[in-house]
């Protein structure tokens, strides 16, 4: 049991699951919006024709990353549907926590790659590299190092 809480193991798992669901809701909305936006770009003829060949590849990697993130963010729900009523919430919470770590990694990667793509298209590849390195570093700090430090 956590300090300061008077709860059974089942109550703790229920609370953790509810917390994870709330986190999933926040991440799901953002990743679905980004994926949906990215999926419309090739149909904007002016935009698509303006891209260099390598930018097409960067764009496609970005789309795949967004779609994989969308799938990952829904995975705990699919697992819950399958395992509901089997009294394995501890496994469910553990899997969901692992999946959310993967989602955070994908979001960090998407931020870096998206910043590269936009800055590359608008300014050039050097600006894209600087933006990707800067925002990738910021994502690592905010999504990995800060939570790790707070956990100490």
N, C-alpha and C. Protein backbone atom coordinates (compact mmCIF):
# COMPACT_ATOMS: atom_id res chain seq x y z
N UNK A 1 0.83 -1.19 0.00
CA UNK A 1 0.00 0.00 0.00
C UNK A 1 0.87 1.25 0.00
N UNK A 2 0.39 2.30 -0.65
CA UNK A 2 1.10 3.55 -0.67
C UNK A 2 0.94 4.26 0.66
N UNK A 3 1.94 5.07 1.00
CA UNK A 3 1.85 5.86 2.22
C UNK A 3 0.66 6.81 2.13
N UNK A 4 -0.06 6.95 3.23
CA UNK A 4 -1.14 7.91 3.28
C UNK A 4 -2.46 7.43 2.71
N UNK A 5 -2.50 6.25 2.17
CA UNK A 5 -3.74 5.72 1.61
C UNK A 5 -4.14 4.48 2.40
N UNK A 6 -5.40 4.42 2.69
CA UNK A 6 -5.94 3.25 3.38
C UNK A 6 -6.81 2.51 2.38
N UNK A 7 -6.17 1.70 1.54
CA UNK A 7 -6.91 1.00 0.50
C UNK A 7 -6.42 -0.43 0.37
N UNK A 8 -7.31 -1.28 -0.05
CA UNK A 8 -6.94 -2.67 -0.30
C UNK A 8 -6.15 -2.74 -1.60
N UNK A 9 -5.56 -3.89 -1.86
CA UNK A 9 -4.84 -4.08 -3.12
C UNK A 9 -5.77 -3.90 -4.31
N UNK A 10 -6.99 -4.41 -4.20
CA UNK A 10 -7.97 -4.27 -5.29
C UNK A 10 -8.32 -2.80 -5.52
N UNK A 11 -8.49 -2.06 -4.45
CA UNK A 11 -8.79 -0.63 -4.58
C UNK A 11 -7.62 0.12 -5.21
N UNK A 12 -6.41 -0.26 -4.81
CA UNK A 12 -5.22 0.38 -5.39
C UNK A 12 -5.15 0.12 -6.89
N UNK A 13 -5.40 -1.13 -7.30
CA UNK A 13 -5.37 -1.47 -8.72
C UNK A 13 -6.47 -0.75 -9.49
N UNK A 14 -7.65 -0.66 -8.88
CA UNK A 14 -8.74 0.09 -9.52
C UNK A 14 -8.37 1.55 -9.72
N UNK A 15 -7.74 2.14 -8.70
CA UNK A 15 -7.32 3.54 -8.79
C UNK A 15 -6.24 3.71 -9.86
N UNK A 16 -5.26 2.81 -9.87
CA UNK A 16 -4.22 2.88 -10.89
C UNK A 16 -4.80 2.74 -12.29
N UNK A 17 -5.75 1.82 -12.44
CA UNK A 17 -6.38 1.62 -13.75
C UNK A 17 -7.14 2.88 -14.17
N UNK A 18 -7.86 3.49 -13.25
CA UNK A 18 -8.60 4.72 -13.55
C UNK A 18 -7.63 5.84 -13.95
N UNK A 19 -6.50 5.94 -13.25
CA UNK A 19 -5.49 6.94 -13.60
C UNK A 19 -4.94 6.69 -15.00
N UNK A 20 -4.65 5.43 -15.30
CA UNK A 20 -4.14 5.09 -16.63
C UNK A 20 -5.15 5.41 -17.72
N UNK A 21 -6.41 5.13 -17.46
CA UNK A 21 -7.45 5.45 -18.45
C UNK A 21 -7.51 6.94 -18.73
N UNK A 22 -7.38 7.74 -17.69
CA UNK A 22 -7.40 9.19 -17.88
C UNK A 22 -6.21 9.64 -18.72
N UNK A 23 -5.04 9.09 -18.44
CA UNK A 23 -3.86 9.42 -19.23
C UNK A 23 -4.05 9.00 -20.69
N UNK A 24 -4.63 7.83 -20.89
CA UNK A 24 -4.90 7.36 -22.25
C UNK A 24 -5.84 8.30 -22.99
N UNK A 25 -6.85 8.80 -22.32
CA UNK A 25 -7.81 9.71 -22.96
C UNK A 25 -7.09 10.96 -23.47
N UNK A 26 -6.21 11.50 -22.66
CA UNK A 26 -5.48 12.70 -23.06
C UNK A 26 -4.59 12.40 -24.26
N UNK A 27 -3.84 11.32 -24.19
CA UNK A 27 -2.92 10.98 -25.27
C UNK A 27 -3.65 10.59 -26.54
N UNK A 28 -4.75 9.89 -26.40
CA UNK A 28 -5.50 9.41 -27.55
C UNK A 28 -6.01 10.57 -28.39
N UNK A 29 -6.55 11.57 -27.76
CA UNK A 29 -7.09 12.71 -28.50
C UNK A 29 -6.00 13.38 -29.33
N UNK A 30 -4.87 13.65 -28.70
CA UNK A 30 -3.78 14.31 -29.41
C UNK A 30 -3.23 13.49 -30.55
N UNK A 31 -3.01 12.20 -30.32
CA UNK A 31 -2.43 11.37 -31.37
C UNK A 31 -3.41 11.17 -32.52
N UNK A 32 -4.68 11.03 -32.22
CA UNK A 32 -5.67 10.87 -33.30
C UNK A 32 -5.80 12.14 -34.13
N UNK A 33 -5.78 13.29 -33.48
CA UNK A 33 -5.84 14.55 -34.23
C UNK A 33 -4.63 14.71 -35.13
N UNK A 34 -3.45 14.42 -34.60
CA UNK A 34 -2.24 14.54 -35.40
C UNK A 34 -2.26 13.55 -36.56
N UNK A 35 -2.62 12.31 -36.30
CA UNK A 35 -2.68 11.30 -37.36
C UNK A 35 -3.69 11.72 -38.43
N UNK A 36 -4.85 12.19 -38.01
CA UNK A 36 -5.86 12.62 -38.98
C UNK A 36 -5.38 13.78 -39.83
N UNK A 37 -4.73 14.74 -39.21
CA UNK A 37 -4.19 15.87 -39.96
C UNK A 37 -3.14 15.40 -40.97
N UNK A 38 -2.23 14.54 -40.51
CA UNK A 38 -1.18 14.05 -41.41
C UNK A 38 -1.75 13.28 -42.59
N UNK A 39 -2.82 12.54 -42.34
CA UNK A 39 -3.42 11.74 -43.42
C UNK A 39 -4.06 12.60 -44.50
N UNK A 40 -4.36 13.86 -44.21
CA UNK A 40 -4.98 14.73 -45.23
C UNK A 40 -3.94 15.41 -46.11
N UNK A 41 -2.70 15.51 -45.67
CA UNK A 41 -1.70 16.29 -46.41
C UNK A 41 -1.46 15.83 -47.84
N UNK A 42 -1.35 14.54 -48.13
CA UNK A 42 -1.07 14.15 -49.52
C UNK A 42 -2.16 14.58 -50.50
N UNK A 43 -3.34 14.87 -49.98
CA UNK A 43 -4.44 15.25 -50.86
C UNK A 43 -4.47 16.75 -51.11
N UNK A 44 -3.52 17.46 -50.52
CA UNK A 44 -3.34 18.89 -50.80
C UNK A 44 -2.28 18.99 -51.88
N UNK A 45 -2.70 19.05 -53.12
CA UNK A 45 -1.79 18.94 -54.26
C UNK A 45 -0.64 19.94 -54.19
N UNK A 46 -0.95 21.17 -53.86
CA UNK A 46 0.09 22.19 -53.79
C UNK A 46 1.16 21.80 -52.77
N UNK A 47 0.73 21.31 -51.65
CA UNK A 47 1.67 20.91 -50.61
C UNK A 47 2.52 19.74 -51.07
N UNK A 48 1.89 18.70 -51.55
CA UNK A 48 2.59 17.46 -51.89
C UNK A 48 3.60 17.67 -53.00
N UNK A 49 3.24 18.46 -54.01
CA UNK A 49 4.15 18.70 -55.15
C UNK A 49 5.37 19.50 -54.74
N UNK A 50 5.25 20.25 -53.68
CA UNK A 50 6.34 21.10 -53.21
C UNK A 50 7.45 20.31 -52.52
N UNK A 51 7.16 19.12 -52.07
CA UNK A 51 8.12 18.34 -51.29
C UNK A 51 9.17 17.67 -52.17
N UNK A 52 10.37 17.59 -51.62
CA UNK A 52 11.45 16.81 -52.24
C UNK A 52 11.18 15.33 -51.97
N UNK A 53 11.86 14.48 -52.70
CA UNK A 53 11.65 13.04 -52.55
C UNK A 53 11.95 12.56 -51.12
N UNK A 54 13.05 13.02 -50.54
CA UNK A 54 13.39 12.60 -49.17
C UNK A 54 12.34 13.09 -48.17
N UNK A 55 11.71 14.23 -48.46
CA UNK A 55 10.67 14.74 -47.57
C UNK A 55 9.42 13.86 -47.62
N UNK A 56 9.19 13.25 -48.78
CA UNK A 56 8.09 12.27 -48.86
C UNK A 56 8.37 11.12 -47.89
N UNK A 57 9.62 10.65 -47.87
CA UNK A 57 9.99 9.55 -46.97
C UNK A 57 9.84 9.97 -45.51
N UNK A 58 10.30 11.17 -45.17
CA UNK A 58 10.16 11.66 -43.79
C UNK A 58 8.68 11.73 -43.42
N UNK A 59 7.88 12.25 -44.34
CA UNK A 59 6.44 12.36 -44.10
C UNK A 59 5.84 10.97 -43.84
N UNK A 60 6.20 9.99 -44.66
CA UNK A 60 5.63 8.65 -44.49
C UNK A 60 6.06 8.01 -43.17
N UNK A 61 7.30 8.22 -42.76
CA UNK A 61 7.74 7.73 -41.45
C UNK A 61 6.93 8.41 -40.35
N UNK A 62 6.67 9.69 -40.51
CA UNK A 62 5.87 10.43 -39.54
C UNK A 62 4.45 9.88 -39.47
N UNK A 63 3.85 9.58 -40.61
CA UNK A 63 2.50 9.01 -40.65
C UNK A 63 2.48 7.65 -39.96
N UNK A 64 3.45 6.81 -40.28
CA UNK A 64 3.50 5.48 -39.65
C UNK A 64 3.66 5.61 -38.14
N UNK A 65 4.52 6.52 -37.70
CA UNK A 65 4.71 6.73 -36.26
C UNK A 65 3.41 7.19 -35.61
N UNK A 66 2.69 8.10 -36.24
CA UNK A 66 1.41 8.58 -35.69
C UNK A 66 0.38 7.46 -35.63
N UNK A 67 0.34 6.63 -36.66
CA UNK A 67 -0.63 5.53 -36.67
C UNK A 67 -0.27 4.44 -35.66
N UNK A 68 1.01 4.14 -35.54
CA UNK A 68 1.44 3.17 -34.53
C UNK A 68 1.12 3.69 -33.13
N UNK A 69 1.35 4.98 -32.91
CA UNK A 69 1.02 5.58 -31.61
C UNK A 69 -0.47 5.48 -31.34
N UNK A 70 -1.28 5.72 -32.35
CA UNK A 70 -2.73 5.61 -32.19
C UNK A 70 -3.13 4.19 -31.82
N UNK A 71 -2.50 3.21 -32.45
CA UNK A 71 -2.78 1.81 -32.10
C UNK A 71 -2.31 1.49 -30.68
N UNK A 72 -1.13 1.95 -30.34
CA UNK A 72 -0.60 1.68 -28.99
C UNK A 72 -1.48 2.27 -27.91
N UNK A 73 -1.99 3.47 -28.15
CA UNK A 73 -2.78 4.14 -27.12
C UNK A 73 -4.12 3.42 -26.88
N UNK A 74 -4.56 2.65 -27.86
CA UNK A 74 -5.81 1.90 -27.69
C UNK A 74 -5.58 0.45 -27.23
N UNK A 75 -4.35 0.01 -27.22
CA UNK A 75 -4.04 -1.37 -26.84
C UNK A 75 -4.52 -1.74 -25.43
N UNK A 76 -4.28 -0.91 -24.41
CA UNK A 76 -4.76 -1.30 -23.08
C UNK A 76 -6.28 -1.51 -23.02
N UNK A 77 -7.01 -0.77 -23.81
CA UNK A 77 -8.47 -0.95 -23.83
C UNK A 77 -8.82 -2.31 -24.44
N UNK A 78 -8.14 -2.68 -25.51
CA UNK A 78 -8.38 -3.99 -26.13
C UNK A 78 -8.03 -5.11 -25.16
N UNK A 79 -6.92 -4.95 -24.45
CA UNK A 79 -6.52 -5.96 -23.47
C UNK A 79 -7.57 -6.03 -22.35
N UNK A 80 -8.03 -4.89 -21.91
CA UNK A 80 -9.05 -4.86 -20.85
C UNK A 80 -10.32 -5.57 -21.31
N UNK A 81 -10.74 -5.32 -22.53
CA UNK A 81 -11.94 -5.99 -23.07
C UNK A 81 -11.77 -7.50 -23.03
N UNK A 82 -10.59 -7.97 -23.37
CA UNK A 82 -10.32 -9.41 -23.43
C UNK A 82 -10.22 -10.04 -22.04
N UNK A 83 -9.65 -9.30 -21.09
CA UNK A 83 -9.37 -9.86 -19.76
C UNK A 83 -10.40 -9.48 -18.71
N UNK A 84 -11.38 -8.68 -19.08
CA UNK A 84 -12.38 -8.21 -18.11
C UNK A 84 -13.06 -9.39 -17.42
N UNK A 85 -13.13 -9.30 -16.10
CA UNK A 85 -13.79 -10.34 -15.31
C UNK A 85 -12.93 -11.54 -14.98
N UNK A 86 -11.67 -11.54 -15.41
CA UNK A 86 -10.80 -12.69 -15.16
C UNK A 86 -9.91 -12.49 -13.93
N UNK A 87 -10.11 -11.41 -13.21
CA UNK A 87 -9.38 -11.13 -11.97
C UNK A 87 -7.87 -11.08 -12.19
N UNK A 88 -7.47 -10.39 -13.23
CA UNK A 88 -6.05 -10.24 -13.54
C UNK A 88 -5.69 -8.75 -13.70
N UNK A 89 -6.32 -7.92 -12.89
CA UNK A 89 -6.12 -6.47 -13.04
C UNK A 89 -4.66 -6.08 -12.81
N UNK A 90 -3.96 -6.80 -11.95
CA UNK A 90 -2.55 -6.47 -11.72
C UNK A 90 -1.75 -6.61 -13.02
N UNK A 91 -2.00 -7.68 -13.77
CA UNK A 91 -1.34 -7.85 -15.07
C UNK A 91 -1.78 -6.77 -16.04
N UNK A 92 -3.06 -6.46 -16.03
CA UNK A 92 -3.61 -5.44 -16.92
C UNK A 92 -2.96 -4.08 -16.65
N UNK A 93 -2.87 -3.70 -15.38
CA UNK A 93 -2.26 -2.42 -15.02
C UNK A 93 -0.78 -2.42 -15.42
N UNK A 94 -0.08 -3.52 -15.19
CA UNK A 94 1.32 -3.62 -15.57
C UNK A 94 1.53 -3.46 -17.06
N UNK A 95 0.71 -4.16 -17.85
CA UNK A 95 0.80 -4.04 -19.32
C UNK A 95 0.48 -2.63 -19.79
N UNK A 96 -0.55 -2.05 -19.19
CA UNK A 96 -0.95 -0.69 -19.58
C UNK A 96 0.17 0.30 -19.28
N UNK A 97 0.84 0.13 -18.15
CA UNK A 97 1.95 1.02 -17.82
C UNK A 97 3.09 0.87 -18.82
N UNK A 98 3.39 -0.37 -19.22
CA UNK A 98 4.42 -0.59 -20.24
C UNK A 98 4.03 0.04 -21.57
N UNK A 99 2.77 -0.13 -21.93
CA UNK A 99 2.29 0.43 -23.19
C UNK A 99 2.35 1.95 -23.17
N UNK A 100 2.00 2.55 -22.05
CA UNK A 100 2.05 4.01 -21.96
C UNK A 100 3.48 4.53 -22.07
N UNK A 101 4.45 3.79 -21.56
CA UNK A 101 5.84 4.19 -21.75
C UNK A 101 6.20 4.18 -23.23
N UNK A 102 5.73 3.16 -23.95
CA UNK A 102 5.97 3.11 -25.40
C UNK A 102 5.27 4.26 -26.11
N UNK A 103 4.06 4.59 -25.68
CA UNK A 103 3.32 5.71 -26.27
C UNK A 103 4.09 7.01 -26.06
N UNK A 104 4.60 7.22 -24.85
CA UNK A 104 5.37 8.43 -24.57
C UNK A 104 6.62 8.51 -25.45
N UNK A 105 7.28 7.38 -25.66
CA UNK A 105 8.45 7.35 -26.54
C UNK A 105 8.04 7.72 -27.97
N UNK A 106 6.92 7.17 -28.42
CA UNK A 106 6.43 7.50 -29.77
C UNK A 106 6.06 8.97 -29.88
N UNK A 107 5.44 9.52 -28.86
CA UNK A 107 5.07 10.94 -28.88
C UNK A 107 6.33 11.80 -28.94
N UNK A 108 7.33 11.45 -28.14
CA UNK A 108 8.60 12.18 -28.20
C UNK A 108 9.22 12.11 -29.58
N UNK A 109 9.21 10.92 -30.17
CA UNK A 109 9.73 10.76 -31.53
C UNK A 109 8.93 11.55 -32.55
N UNK A 110 7.61 11.54 -32.40
CA UNK A 110 6.76 12.30 -33.33
C UNK A 110 7.04 13.79 -33.23
N UNK A 111 7.21 14.29 -32.02
CA UNK A 111 7.49 15.72 -31.84
C UNK A 111 8.79 16.09 -32.55
N UNK A 112 9.83 15.29 -32.35
CA UNK A 112 11.11 15.56 -32.99
C UNK A 112 11.00 15.46 -34.51
N UNK A 113 10.37 14.41 -34.99
CA UNK A 113 10.25 14.21 -36.44
C UNK A 113 9.34 15.25 -37.08
N UNK A 114 8.26 15.58 -36.43
CA UNK A 114 7.35 16.59 -36.96
C UNK A 114 8.05 17.95 -37.02
N UNK A 115 8.81 18.28 -35.99
CA UNK A 115 9.53 19.56 -36.02
C UNK A 115 10.57 19.56 -37.14
N UNK A 116 11.25 18.42 -37.34
CA UNK A 116 12.19 18.35 -38.47
C UNK A 116 11.46 18.59 -39.78
N UNK A 117 10.36 17.89 -39.97
CA UNK A 117 9.61 17.97 -41.22
C UNK A 117 9.15 19.40 -41.51
N UNK A 118 8.52 20.04 -40.54
CA UNK A 118 7.99 21.39 -40.75
C UNK A 118 9.11 22.39 -40.99
N UNK A 119 10.14 22.37 -40.14
CA UNK A 119 11.24 23.31 -40.32
C UNK A 119 11.99 23.05 -41.62
N UNK A 120 12.13 21.79 -41.99
CA UNK A 120 12.80 21.44 -43.24
C UNK A 120 12.02 22.00 -44.43
N UNK A 121 10.72 21.81 -44.44
CA UNK A 121 9.89 22.30 -45.55
C UNK A 121 9.89 23.83 -45.60
N UNK A 122 9.77 24.47 -44.46
CA UNK A 122 9.62 25.92 -44.43
C UNK A 122 10.96 26.65 -44.57
N UNK A 123 12.01 26.16 -43.88
CA UNK A 123 13.28 26.89 -43.84
C UNK A 123 14.40 26.13 -44.56
N UNK A 124 14.52 24.83 -44.28
CA UNK A 124 15.58 24.04 -44.89
C UNK A 124 16.03 22.93 -43.95
N UNK A 125 16.86 22.02 -44.47
CA UNK A 125 17.23 20.84 -43.70
C UNK A 125 18.07 21.14 -42.45
N UNK A 126 18.91 22.17 -42.48
CA UNK A 126 19.70 22.49 -41.30
C UNK A 126 18.78 22.95 -40.17
N UNK A 127 17.85 23.83 -40.50
CA UNK A 127 16.87 24.28 -39.49
C UNK A 127 16.05 23.09 -39.00
N UNK A 128 15.72 22.18 -39.90
CA UNK A 128 14.99 20.98 -39.51
C UNK A 128 15.77 20.14 -38.52
N UNK A 129 17.06 19.98 -38.78
CA UNK A 129 17.91 19.21 -37.87
C UNK A 129 18.03 19.87 -36.51
N UNK A 130 18.20 21.19 -36.50
CA UNK A 130 18.30 21.92 -35.23
C UNK A 130 16.99 21.80 -34.46
N UNK A 131 15.87 21.98 -35.14
CA UNK A 131 14.56 21.88 -34.48
C UNK A 131 14.34 20.48 -33.92
N UNK A 132 14.67 19.46 -34.71
CA UNK A 132 14.48 18.08 -34.26
C UNK A 132 15.36 17.77 -33.06
N UNK A 133 16.62 18.19 -33.11
CA UNK A 133 17.52 17.94 -31.98
C UNK A 133 17.05 18.67 -30.73
N UNK A 134 16.63 19.92 -30.90
CA UNK A 134 16.18 20.72 -29.76
C UNK A 134 14.91 20.14 -29.14
N UNK A 135 13.92 19.89 -29.97
CA UNK A 135 12.65 19.39 -29.44
C UNK A 135 12.74 17.93 -29.01
N UNK A 136 13.59 17.15 -29.67
CA UNK A 136 13.82 15.78 -29.22
C UNK A 136 14.46 15.75 -27.85
N UNK A 137 15.42 16.65 -27.63
CA UNK A 137 16.06 16.76 -26.32
C UNK A 137 15.05 17.22 -25.27
N UNK A 138 14.26 18.23 -25.61
CA UNK A 138 13.24 18.71 -24.68
C UNK A 138 12.24 17.61 -24.34
N UNK A 139 11.84 16.84 -25.34
CA UNK A 139 10.91 15.72 -25.10
C UNK A 139 11.53 14.70 -24.16
N UNK A 140 12.80 14.38 -24.36
CA UNK A 140 13.48 13.42 -23.48
C UNK A 140 13.54 13.95 -22.05
N UNK A 141 13.83 15.23 -21.90
CA UNK A 141 13.89 15.82 -20.56
C UNK A 141 12.53 15.77 -19.89
N UNK A 142 11.49 16.24 -20.61
CA UNK A 142 10.16 16.35 -20.00
C UNK A 142 9.46 15.00 -19.82
N UNK A 143 9.68 14.08 -20.75
CA UNK A 143 8.96 12.81 -20.71
C UNK A 143 9.71 11.70 -19.99
N UNK A 144 11.03 11.86 -19.82
CA UNK A 144 11.82 10.80 -19.18
C UNK A 144 12.53 11.30 -17.92
N UNK A 145 13.35 12.32 -18.08
CA UNK A 145 14.20 12.75 -16.96
C UNK A 145 13.42 13.39 -15.82
N UNK A 146 12.48 14.28 -16.13
CA UNK A 146 11.71 14.93 -15.06
C UNK A 146 10.91 13.89 -14.26
N UNK A 147 10.15 13.00 -14.91
CA UNK A 147 9.43 11.99 -14.12
C UNK A 147 10.37 11.09 -13.31
N UNK A 148 11.52 10.75 -13.89
CA UNK A 148 12.48 9.91 -13.17
C UNK A 148 13.00 10.63 -11.93
N UNK A 149 13.29 11.90 -12.09
CA UNK A 149 13.80 12.68 -10.96
C UNK A 149 12.74 12.83 -9.86
N UNK A 150 11.50 13.05 -10.26
CA UNK A 150 10.43 13.18 -9.28
C UNK A 150 10.14 11.87 -8.55
N UNK A 151 10.47 10.76 -9.18
CA UNK A 151 10.22 9.45 -8.57
C UNK A 151 11.21 9.14 -7.45
N UNK A 152 12.30 9.86 -7.41
CA UNK A 152 13.33 9.61 -6.37
C UNK A 152 12.86 10.02 -5.02
